[in-house]
Amino acid sequence: MSEPRSPEAVHNRIATLRVDRGVTRRELADALGVHYQTVGYLERGEYAPSLHLALRIAAYFDVPLEFVFSLEPFPRIGPG
């Protein structure tokens, strides 16, 4: 059964990308010019970034915007 989805929900892979690249929340925040708690809010889906911030996040990880953000939940990787 799927979770109810807010029409405003923005899903992301920030935490996965950050951990895969060995980057701390503070390091990512410093690179983006935001508070480290903002990165936590973004990762948990408690805050949807501005378009400008979303583009900067994608550029930081050198991936397309659609690889980081989606209006639909990303499929789980590995055993569910």
N, C-alpha and C. Protein backbone atom coordinates (compact mmCIF):
# COMPACT_ATOMS: atom_id res chain seq x y z
N MET A 1 0.84 -1.17 0.00
CA MET A 1 0.00 0.00 0.00
C MET A 1 0.89 1.24 0.00
N SER A 2 0.57 2.20 -0.87
CA SER A 2 1.40 3.40 -0.94
C SER A 2 0.94 4.45 0.05
N GLU A 3 1.87 5.33 0.40
CA GLU A 3 1.57 6.41 1.34
C GLU A 3 0.73 7.46 0.64
N PRO A 4 -0.17 8.13 1.37
CA PRO A 4 -0.86 9.24 0.75
C PRO A 4 0.16 10.32 0.39
N ARG A 5 -0.05 10.96 -0.74
CA ARG A 5 0.93 11.90 -1.24
C ARG A 5 0.33 13.29 -1.28
N SER A 6 1.03 14.23 -0.70
CA SER A 6 0.63 15.62 -0.75
C SER A 6 0.87 16.12 -2.17
N PRO A 7 -0.04 16.94 -2.71
CA PRO A 7 0.19 17.46 -4.06
C PRO A 7 1.42 18.36 -4.13
N GLU A 8 1.89 18.84 -2.98
CA GLU A 8 3.06 19.71 -2.94
C GLU A 8 4.35 18.95 -2.61
N ALA A 9 4.26 17.63 -2.41
CA ALA A 9 5.43 16.86 -2.00
C ALA A 9 6.50 16.85 -3.09
N VAL A 10 7.74 17.06 -2.65
CA VAL A 10 8.90 16.96 -3.53
C VAL A 10 9.82 15.92 -2.90
N HIS A 11 10.06 14.84 -3.63
CA HIS A 11 10.92 13.77 -3.15
C HIS A 11 12.34 14.02 -3.66
N ASN A 12 13.32 13.53 -2.90
CA ASN A 12 14.70 13.77 -3.32
C ASN A 12 15.63 12.64 -2.91
N ARG A 13 16.79 12.66 -3.53
CA ARG A 13 17.86 11.69 -3.24
C ARG A 13 19.06 12.37 -2.61
N ILE A 14 18.87 13.48 -1.96
CA ILE A 14 20.00 14.23 -1.42
C ILE A 14 20.80 13.39 -0.43
N ALA A 15 20.13 12.74 0.52
CA ALA A 15 20.84 11.95 1.53
C ALA A 15 21.64 10.84 0.88
N THR A 16 21.05 10.15 -0.08
CA THR A 16 21.74 9.05 -0.76
C THR A 16 22.97 9.55 -1.49
N LEU A 17 22.81 10.64 -2.22
CA LEU A 17 23.96 11.21 -2.95
C LEU A 17 25.04 11.68 -1.99
N ARG A 18 24.62 12.33 -0.92
CA ARG A 18 25.57 12.86 0.05
C ARG A 18 26.39 11.74 0.69
N VAL A 19 25.71 10.69 1.13
CA VAL A 19 26.39 9.56 1.77
C VAL A 19 27.29 8.83 0.77
N ASP A 20 26.77 8.61 -0.45
CA ASP A 20 27.57 7.94 -1.48
C ASP A 20 28.86 8.69 -1.79
N ARG A 21 28.82 10.01 -1.69
CA ARG A 21 29.99 10.83 -2.01
C ARG A 21 30.84 11.13 -0.78
N GLY A 22 30.40 10.67 0.39
CA GLY A 22 31.18 10.88 1.60
C GLY A 22 31.19 12.32 2.06
N VAL A 23 30.08 13.01 1.87
CA VAL A 23 29.96 14.42 2.22
C VAL A 23 29.07 14.55 3.46
N THR A 24 29.49 15.34 4.44
CA THR A 24 28.65 15.56 5.62
C THR A 24 27.58 16.60 5.30
N ARG A 25 26.58 16.65 6.15
CA ARG A 25 25.55 17.69 5.99
C ARG A 25 26.17 19.07 6.06
N ARG A 26 27.09 19.24 6.98
CA ARG A 26 27.73 20.55 7.14
C ARG A 26 28.54 20.92 5.90
N GLU A 27 29.27 19.97 5.34
CA GLU A 27 30.05 20.24 4.12
C GLU A 27 29.14 20.64 2.96
N LEU A 28 28.05 19.91 2.80
CA LEU A 28 27.11 20.24 1.73
C LEU A 28 26.50 21.62 1.97
N ALA A 29 26.09 21.86 3.20
CA ALA A 29 25.51 23.16 3.54
C ALA A 29 26.48 24.30 3.25
N ASP A 30 27.74 24.14 3.64
CA ASP A 30 28.75 25.16 3.39
C ASP A 30 28.92 25.41 1.89
N ALA A 31 28.92 24.33 1.11
CA ALA A 31 29.09 24.46 -0.35
C ALA A 31 27.90 25.17 -0.98
N LEU A 32 26.72 24.99 -0.39
CA LEU A 32 25.49 25.58 -0.95
C LEU A 32 25.18 26.94 -0.36
N GLY A 33 25.86 27.29 0.74
CA GLY A 33 25.59 28.56 1.38
C GLY A 33 24.31 28.58 2.20
N VAL A 34 23.97 27.41 2.79
CA VAL A 34 22.79 27.31 3.64
C VAL A 34 23.20 26.75 5.00
N HIS A 35 22.31 26.83 5.96
CA HIS A 35 22.56 26.27 7.29
C HIS A 35 22.52 24.75 7.20
N TYR A 36 23.35 24.07 7.98
CA TYR A 36 23.39 22.60 7.90
C TYR A 36 22.04 21.98 8.25
N GLN A 37 21.24 22.63 9.10
CA GLN A 37 19.92 22.09 9.43
C GLN A 37 19.00 22.11 8.21
N THR A 38 19.22 23.06 7.32
CA THR A 38 18.42 23.12 6.09
C THR A 38 18.63 21.85 5.27
N VAL A 39 19.86 21.35 5.23
CA VAL A 39 20.14 20.12 4.50
C VAL A 39 19.34 18.97 5.12
N GLY A 40 19.28 18.90 6.44
CA GLY A 40 18.48 17.86 7.11
C GLY A 40 17.00 17.98 6.76
N TYR A 41 16.48 19.20 6.77
CA TYR A 41 15.06 19.41 6.41
C TYR A 41 14.81 18.98 4.97
N LEU A 42 15.74 19.30 4.09
CA LEU A 42 15.60 18.89 2.69
C LEU A 42 15.60 17.37 2.57
N GLU A 43 16.55 16.73 3.23
CA GLU A 43 16.67 15.27 3.13
C GLU A 43 15.43 14.57 3.64
N ARG A 44 14.82 15.09 4.67
CA ARG A 44 13.62 14.47 5.25
C ARG A 44 12.34 14.87 4.53
N GLY A 45 12.44 15.75 3.55
CA GLY A 45 11.27 16.18 2.81
C GLY A 45 10.41 17.16 3.58
N GLU A 46 10.99 17.79 4.62
CA GLU A 46 10.25 18.76 5.42
C GLU A 46 10.31 20.16 4.82
N TYR A 47 11.13 20.32 3.79
CA TYR A 47 11.33 21.61 3.16
C TYR A 47 11.59 21.37 1.69
N ALA A 48 10.83 22.05 0.83
CA ALA A 48 11.07 21.97 -0.61
C ALA A 48 11.95 23.14 -1.01
N PRO A 49 13.04 22.88 -1.70
CA PRO A 49 13.96 23.96 -2.04
C PRO A 49 13.40 24.87 -3.13
N SER A 50 13.91 26.08 -3.17
CA SER A 50 13.62 26.96 -4.29
C SER A 50 14.23 26.33 -5.54
N LEU A 51 13.79 26.78 -6.69
CA LEU A 51 14.37 26.28 -7.93
C LEU A 51 15.86 26.56 -7.97
N HIS A 52 16.25 27.74 -7.53
CA HIS A 52 17.66 28.11 -7.52
C HIS A 52 18.49 27.15 -6.66
N LEU A 53 18.00 26.85 -5.46
CA LEU A 53 18.72 25.93 -4.58
C LEU A 53 18.72 24.52 -5.16
N ALA A 54 17.61 24.09 -5.73
CA ALA A 54 17.55 22.75 -6.33
C ALA A 54 18.57 22.62 -7.46
N LEU A 55 18.69 23.65 -8.28
CA LEU A 55 19.67 23.62 -9.37
C LEU A 55 21.10 23.59 -8.83
N ARG A 56 21.35 24.33 -7.75
CA ARG A 56 22.69 24.34 -7.14
C ARG A 56 23.02 22.96 -6.55
N ILE A 57 22.02 22.30 -5.95
CA ILE A 57 22.25 20.96 -5.39
C ILE A 57 22.60 19.98 -6.52
N ALA A 58 21.83 20.00 -7.61
CA ALA A 58 22.11 19.12 -8.74
C ALA A 58 23.50 19.41 -9.32
N ALA A 59 23.85 20.68 -9.43
CA ALA A 59 25.16 21.05 -9.96
C ALA A 59 26.27 20.57 -9.02
N TYR A 60 26.05 20.69 -7.71
CA TYR A 60 27.06 20.25 -6.74
C TYR A 60 27.38 18.76 -6.93
N PHE A 61 26.33 17.96 -7.14
CA PHE A 61 26.54 16.51 -7.32
C PHE A 61 26.81 16.14 -8.78
N ASP A 62 26.78 17.15 -9.67
CA ASP A 62 27.04 16.94 -11.10
C ASP A 62 26.11 15.90 -11.71
N VAL A 63 24.82 16.06 -11.41
CA VAL A 63 23.78 15.17 -11.95
C VAL A 63 22.62 16.03 -12.44
N PRO A 64 21.76 15.49 -13.31
CA PRO A 64 20.59 16.23 -13.75
C PRO A 64 19.63 16.48 -12.59
N LEU A 65 18.90 17.57 -12.65
CA LEU A 65 17.94 17.92 -11.62
C LEU A 65 16.97 16.77 -11.34
N GLU A 66 16.51 16.09 -12.40
CA GLU A 66 15.55 15.00 -12.26
C GLU A 66 16.12 13.79 -11.55
N PHE A 67 17.45 13.71 -11.46
CA PHE A 67 18.07 12.61 -10.73
C PHE A 67 17.99 12.85 -9.23
N VAL A 68 17.91 14.12 -8.83
CA VAL A 68 17.88 14.48 -7.41
C VAL A 68 16.45 14.66 -6.92
N PHE A 69 15.59 15.26 -7.72
CA PHE A 69 14.24 15.62 -7.29
C PHE A 69 13.17 15.00 -8.17
N SER A 70 12.03 14.68 -7.55
CA SER A 70 10.92 14.08 -8.28
C SER A 70 9.61 14.40 -7.56
N LEU A 71 8.54 14.45 -8.32
CA LEU A 71 7.21 14.61 -7.72
C LEU A 71 6.67 13.27 -7.25
N GLU A 72 7.26 12.18 -7.72
CA GLU A 72 6.89 10.83 -7.31
C GLU A 72 8.00 10.26 -6.44
N PRO A 73 7.66 9.40 -5.48
CA PRO A 73 8.71 8.77 -4.65
C PRO A 73 9.66 7.96 -5.52
N PHE A 74 10.93 7.98 -5.15
CA PHE A 74 11.92 7.17 -5.87
C PHE A 74 11.76 5.72 -5.40
N PRO A 75 11.99 4.75 -6.31
CA PRO A 75 11.92 3.35 -5.87
C PRO A 75 13.03 3.04 -4.88
N ARG A 76 12.74 2.16 -3.94
CA ARG A 76 13.74 1.75 -2.95
C ARG A 76 14.79 0.90 -3.63
N ILE A 77 16.01 1.02 -3.15
CA ILE A 77 17.13 0.21 -3.65
C ILE A 77 17.42 -0.85 -2.62
N GLY A 78 17.57 -2.09 -3.08
CA GLY A 78 17.89 -3.17 -2.16
C GLY A 78 16.65 -3.78 -1.55
N PRO A 79 16.83 -4.64 -0.54
CA PRO A 79 15.69 -5.32 0.07
C PRO A 79 14.73 -4.32 0.70
N GLY A 80 13.45 -4.53 0.46
CA GLY A 80 12.45 -3.58 0.95
C GLY A 80 11.90 -4.07 2.21
